[in-house]
Amino acid sequence: MRFLFDKKIAEYVDENIWAPAIDLECLESELQGLPVGGERSANVRKQRDLKQKLHEELKGLEGRFAEYLQLRH
């Protein structure tokens, strides 16, 4: 990421996309085997929150990357 884009973009992706995606993956693996109950419900709510956050971040990616993705002649 740092080789293709500036430091600001790389840090943004690390903090706002990569880290939540890793957290989501961990929660998904922890969910397996959890019995129905409070802990399982809390896990599902955390996953929902992370998925909503990622969805919101993805909607704004075009604007963040537009200057890097334009063809110039």
N, C-alpha and C. Protein backbone atom coordinates (compact mmCIF):
# COMPACT_ATOMS: atom_id res chain seq x y z
N MET A 1 0.83 -1.18 0.00
CA MET A 1 0.00 0.00 0.00
C MET A 1 0.88 1.25 0.00
N ARG A 2 1.89 1.27 0.81
CA ARG A 2 2.74 2.47 0.91
C ARG A 2 3.55 2.71 -0.37
N PHE A 3 3.73 1.68 -1.18
CA PHE A 3 4.48 1.85 -2.42
C PHE A 3 3.63 2.47 -3.53
N LEU A 4 2.33 2.27 -3.44
CA LEU A 4 1.44 2.78 -4.48
C LEU A 4 0.77 4.10 -4.13
N PHE A 5 0.54 4.32 -2.83
CA PHE A 5 -0.18 5.51 -2.39
C PHE A 5 0.64 6.22 -1.32
N ASP A 6 0.19 7.38 -0.91
CA ASP A 6 0.94 8.10 0.12
C ASP A 6 0.69 7.52 1.51
N LYS A 7 1.45 8.01 2.47
CA LYS A 7 1.37 7.52 3.84
C LYS A 7 -0.03 7.69 4.43
N LYS A 8 -0.66 8.80 4.11
CA LYS A 8 -2.00 9.09 4.63
C LYS A 8 -3.01 8.02 4.20
N ILE A 9 -2.97 7.63 2.93
CA ILE A 9 -3.88 6.60 2.42
C ILE A 9 -3.57 5.26 3.07
N ALA A 10 -2.30 4.91 3.17
CA ALA A 10 -1.91 3.64 3.77
C ALA A 10 -2.38 3.55 5.22
N GLU A 11 -2.22 4.62 5.97
CA GLU A 11 -2.67 4.63 7.36
C GLU A 11 -4.18 4.54 7.45
N TYR A 12 -4.87 5.23 6.56
CA TYR A 12 -6.33 5.17 6.53
C TYR A 12 -6.80 3.73 6.30
N VAL A 13 -6.23 3.07 5.31
CA VAL A 13 -6.64 1.70 5.00
C VAL A 13 -6.32 0.77 6.18
N ASP A 14 -5.14 0.92 6.77
CA ASP A 14 -4.78 0.09 7.93
C ASP A 14 -5.78 0.25 9.07
N GLU A 15 -6.12 1.48 9.40
CA GLU A 15 -6.96 1.76 10.56
C GLU A 15 -8.45 1.52 10.31
N ASN A 16 -8.91 1.85 9.12
CA ASN A 16 -10.35 1.87 8.86
C ASN A 16 -10.88 0.71 8.04
N ILE A 17 -9.99 -0.06 7.43
CA ILE A 17 -10.45 -1.21 6.65
C ILE A 17 -9.76 -2.49 7.13
N TRP A 18 -8.44 -2.49 7.16
CA TRP A 18 -7.71 -3.69 7.53
C TRP A 18 -7.99 -4.12 8.97
N ALA A 19 -7.83 -3.24 9.93
CA ALA A 19 -8.03 -3.59 11.34
C ALA A 19 -9.45 -4.06 11.63
N PRO A 20 -10.50 -3.35 11.16
CA PRO A 20 -11.85 -3.86 11.40
C PRO A 20 -12.11 -5.20 10.70
N ALA A 21 -11.52 -5.41 9.54
CA ALA A 21 -11.70 -6.69 8.84
C ALA A 21 -11.06 -7.83 9.64
N ILE A 22 -9.90 -7.59 10.23
CA ILE A 22 -9.26 -8.60 11.07
C ILE A 22 -10.12 -8.86 12.31
N ASP A 23 -10.62 -7.80 12.93
CA ASP A 23 -11.50 -7.96 14.09
C ASP A 23 -12.73 -8.79 13.73
N LEU A 24 -13.30 -8.52 12.57
CA LEU A 24 -14.48 -9.25 12.11
C LEU A 24 -14.14 -10.73 11.92
N GLU A 25 -13.01 -11.01 11.32
CA GLU A 25 -12.60 -12.40 11.11
C GLU A 25 -12.43 -13.12 12.45
N CYS A 26 -11.85 -12.46 13.43
CA CYS A 26 -11.68 -13.06 14.76
C CYS A 26 -13.03 -13.33 15.41
N LEU A 27 -13.94 -12.37 15.32
CA LEU A 27 -15.27 -12.57 15.90
C LEU A 27 -16.00 -13.73 15.23
N GLU A 28 -15.86 -13.84 13.92
CA GLU A 28 -16.51 -14.93 13.20
C GLU A 28 -15.97 -16.29 13.66
N SER A 29 -14.66 -16.37 13.88
CA SER A 29 -14.10 -17.64 14.33
C SER A 29 -14.50 -17.94 15.77
N GLU A 30 -14.62 -16.91 16.60
CA GLU A 30 -15.05 -17.10 17.99
C GLU A 30 -16.51 -17.53 18.07
N LEU A 31 -17.31 -17.14 17.10
CA LEU A 31 -18.73 -17.45 17.11
C LEU A 31 -18.99 -18.95 17.00
N GLN A 32 -18.13 -19.64 16.28
CA GLN A 32 -18.31 -21.08 16.10
C GLN A 32 -18.24 -21.77 17.46
N GLY A 33 -19.24 -22.52 17.76
CA GLY A 33 -19.26 -23.26 19.00
C GLY A 33 -19.87 -22.53 20.18
N LEU A 34 -20.16 -21.24 20.04
CA LEU A 34 -20.79 -20.52 21.15
C LEU A 34 -22.26 -20.92 21.24
N PRO A 35 -22.70 -21.28 22.42
CA PRO A 35 -24.12 -21.62 22.57
C PRO A 35 -24.98 -20.37 22.52
N VAL A 36 -26.24 -20.56 22.23
CA VAL A 36 -27.18 -19.45 22.22
C VAL A 36 -27.17 -18.80 23.61
N GLY A 37 -27.07 -17.50 23.62
CA GLY A 37 -27.04 -16.79 24.90
C GLY A 37 -26.43 -15.41 24.74
N GLY A 38 -26.12 -14.80 25.85
CA GLY A 38 -25.63 -13.44 25.87
C GLY A 38 -24.31 -13.24 25.15
N GLU A 39 -23.38 -14.16 25.35
CA GLU A 39 -22.07 -14.01 24.72
C GLU A 39 -22.18 -14.10 23.20
N ARG A 40 -23.00 -15.04 22.73
CA ARG A 40 -23.20 -15.19 21.28
C ARG A 40 -23.89 -13.95 20.71
N SER A 41 -24.90 -13.45 21.41
CA SER A 41 -25.61 -12.26 20.95
C SER A 41 -24.68 -11.05 20.89
N ALA A 42 -23.82 -10.90 21.90
CA ALA A 42 -22.87 -9.79 21.91
C ALA A 42 -21.90 -9.89 20.74
N ASN A 43 -21.47 -11.09 20.44
CA ASN A 43 -20.56 -11.32 19.32
C ASN A 43 -21.23 -10.91 18.01
N VAL A 44 -22.47 -11.33 17.84
CA VAL A 44 -23.21 -11.01 16.61
C VAL A 44 -23.41 -9.50 16.48
N ARG A 45 -23.70 -8.82 17.58
CA ARG A 45 -23.86 -7.36 17.54
C ARG A 45 -22.55 -6.68 17.15
N LYS A 46 -21.43 -7.16 17.69
CA LYS A 46 -20.12 -6.59 17.33
C LYS A 46 -19.83 -6.81 15.85
N GLN A 47 -20.17 -8.01 15.35
CA GLN A 47 -19.97 -8.27 13.92
C GLN A 47 -20.82 -7.33 13.08
N ARG A 48 -22.07 -7.14 13.50
CA ARG A 48 -22.95 -6.23 12.76
C ARG A 48 -22.37 -4.82 12.72
N ASP A 49 -21.89 -4.35 13.86
CA ASP A 49 -21.31 -3.00 13.93
C ASP A 49 -20.09 -2.87 13.02
N LEU A 50 -19.24 -3.87 13.03
CA LEU A 50 -18.06 -3.83 12.16
C LEU A 50 -18.44 -3.87 10.68
N LYS A 51 -19.42 -4.68 10.34
CA LYS A 51 -19.87 -4.76 8.95
C LYS A 51 -20.46 -3.43 8.50
N GLN A 52 -21.22 -2.78 9.37
CA GLN A 52 -21.77 -1.46 9.04
C GLN A 52 -20.65 -0.44 8.85
N LYS A 53 -19.66 -0.47 9.73
CA LYS A 53 -18.52 0.44 9.62
C LYS A 53 -17.78 0.22 8.29
N LEU A 54 -17.51 -1.03 7.96
CA LEU A 54 -16.82 -1.33 6.71
C LEU A 54 -17.65 -0.89 5.50
N HIS A 55 -18.94 -1.10 5.57
CA HIS A 55 -19.81 -0.68 4.47
C HIS A 55 -19.75 0.83 4.27
N GLU A 56 -19.79 1.58 5.36
CA GLU A 56 -19.69 3.03 5.27
C GLU A 56 -18.34 3.46 4.72
N GLU A 57 -17.27 2.82 5.15
CA GLU A 57 -15.94 3.16 4.66
C GLU A 57 -15.82 2.86 3.17
N LEU A 58 -16.38 1.74 2.73
CA LEU A 58 -16.28 1.37 1.32
C LEU A 58 -17.01 2.36 0.42
N LYS A 59 -18.10 2.95 0.93
CA LYS A 59 -18.83 3.93 0.12
C LYS A 59 -17.98 5.17 -0.16
N GLY A 60 -17.02 5.48 0.71
CA GLY A 60 -16.21 6.66 0.53
C GLY A 60 -14.86 6.42 -0.13
N LEU A 61 -14.58 5.18 -0.50
CA LEU A 61 -13.26 4.88 -1.07
C LEU A 61 -13.00 5.56 -2.40
N GLU A 62 -14.01 5.67 -3.23
CA GLU A 62 -13.81 6.27 -4.55
C GLU A 62 -13.25 7.68 -4.41
N GLY A 63 -13.81 8.44 -3.50
CA GLY A 63 -13.33 9.80 -3.29
C GLY A 63 -11.90 9.84 -2.78
N ARG A 64 -11.54 8.93 -1.92
CA ARG A 64 -10.18 8.91 -1.36
C ARG A 64 -9.14 8.51 -2.40
N PHE A 65 -9.51 7.61 -3.31
CA PHE A 65 -8.55 7.09 -4.27
C PHE A 65 -8.63 7.75 -5.64
N ALA A 66 -9.58 8.63 -5.85
CA ALA A 66 -9.81 9.21 -7.18
C ALA A 66 -8.56 9.85 -7.76
N GLU A 67 -7.81 10.59 -6.96
CA GLU A 67 -6.63 11.27 -7.50
C GLU A 67 -5.56 10.28 -7.97
N TYR A 68 -5.56 9.07 -7.43
CA TYR A 68 -4.56 8.07 -7.81
C TYR A 68 -5.00 7.22 -9.00
N LEU A 69 -6.29 7.25 -9.29
CA LEU A 69 -6.84 6.34 -10.29
C LEU A 69 -7.24 7.03 -11.59
N GLN A 70 -6.85 8.28 -11.77
CA GLN A 70 -7.19 9.00 -12.99
C GLN A 70 -6.06 8.83 -14.00
N LEU A 71 -6.47 8.65 -15.25
CA LEU A 71 -5.49 8.55 -16.34
C LEU A 71 -5.12 9.96 -16.79
N ARG A 72 -3.85 10.18 -16.91
CA ARG A 72 -3.37 11.48 -17.37
C ARG A 72 -2.53 11.25 -18.64
N HIS A 73 -2.69 12.15 -19.58
CA HIS A 73 -1.94 12.01 -20.84
C HIS A 73 -0.86 13.07 -20.91
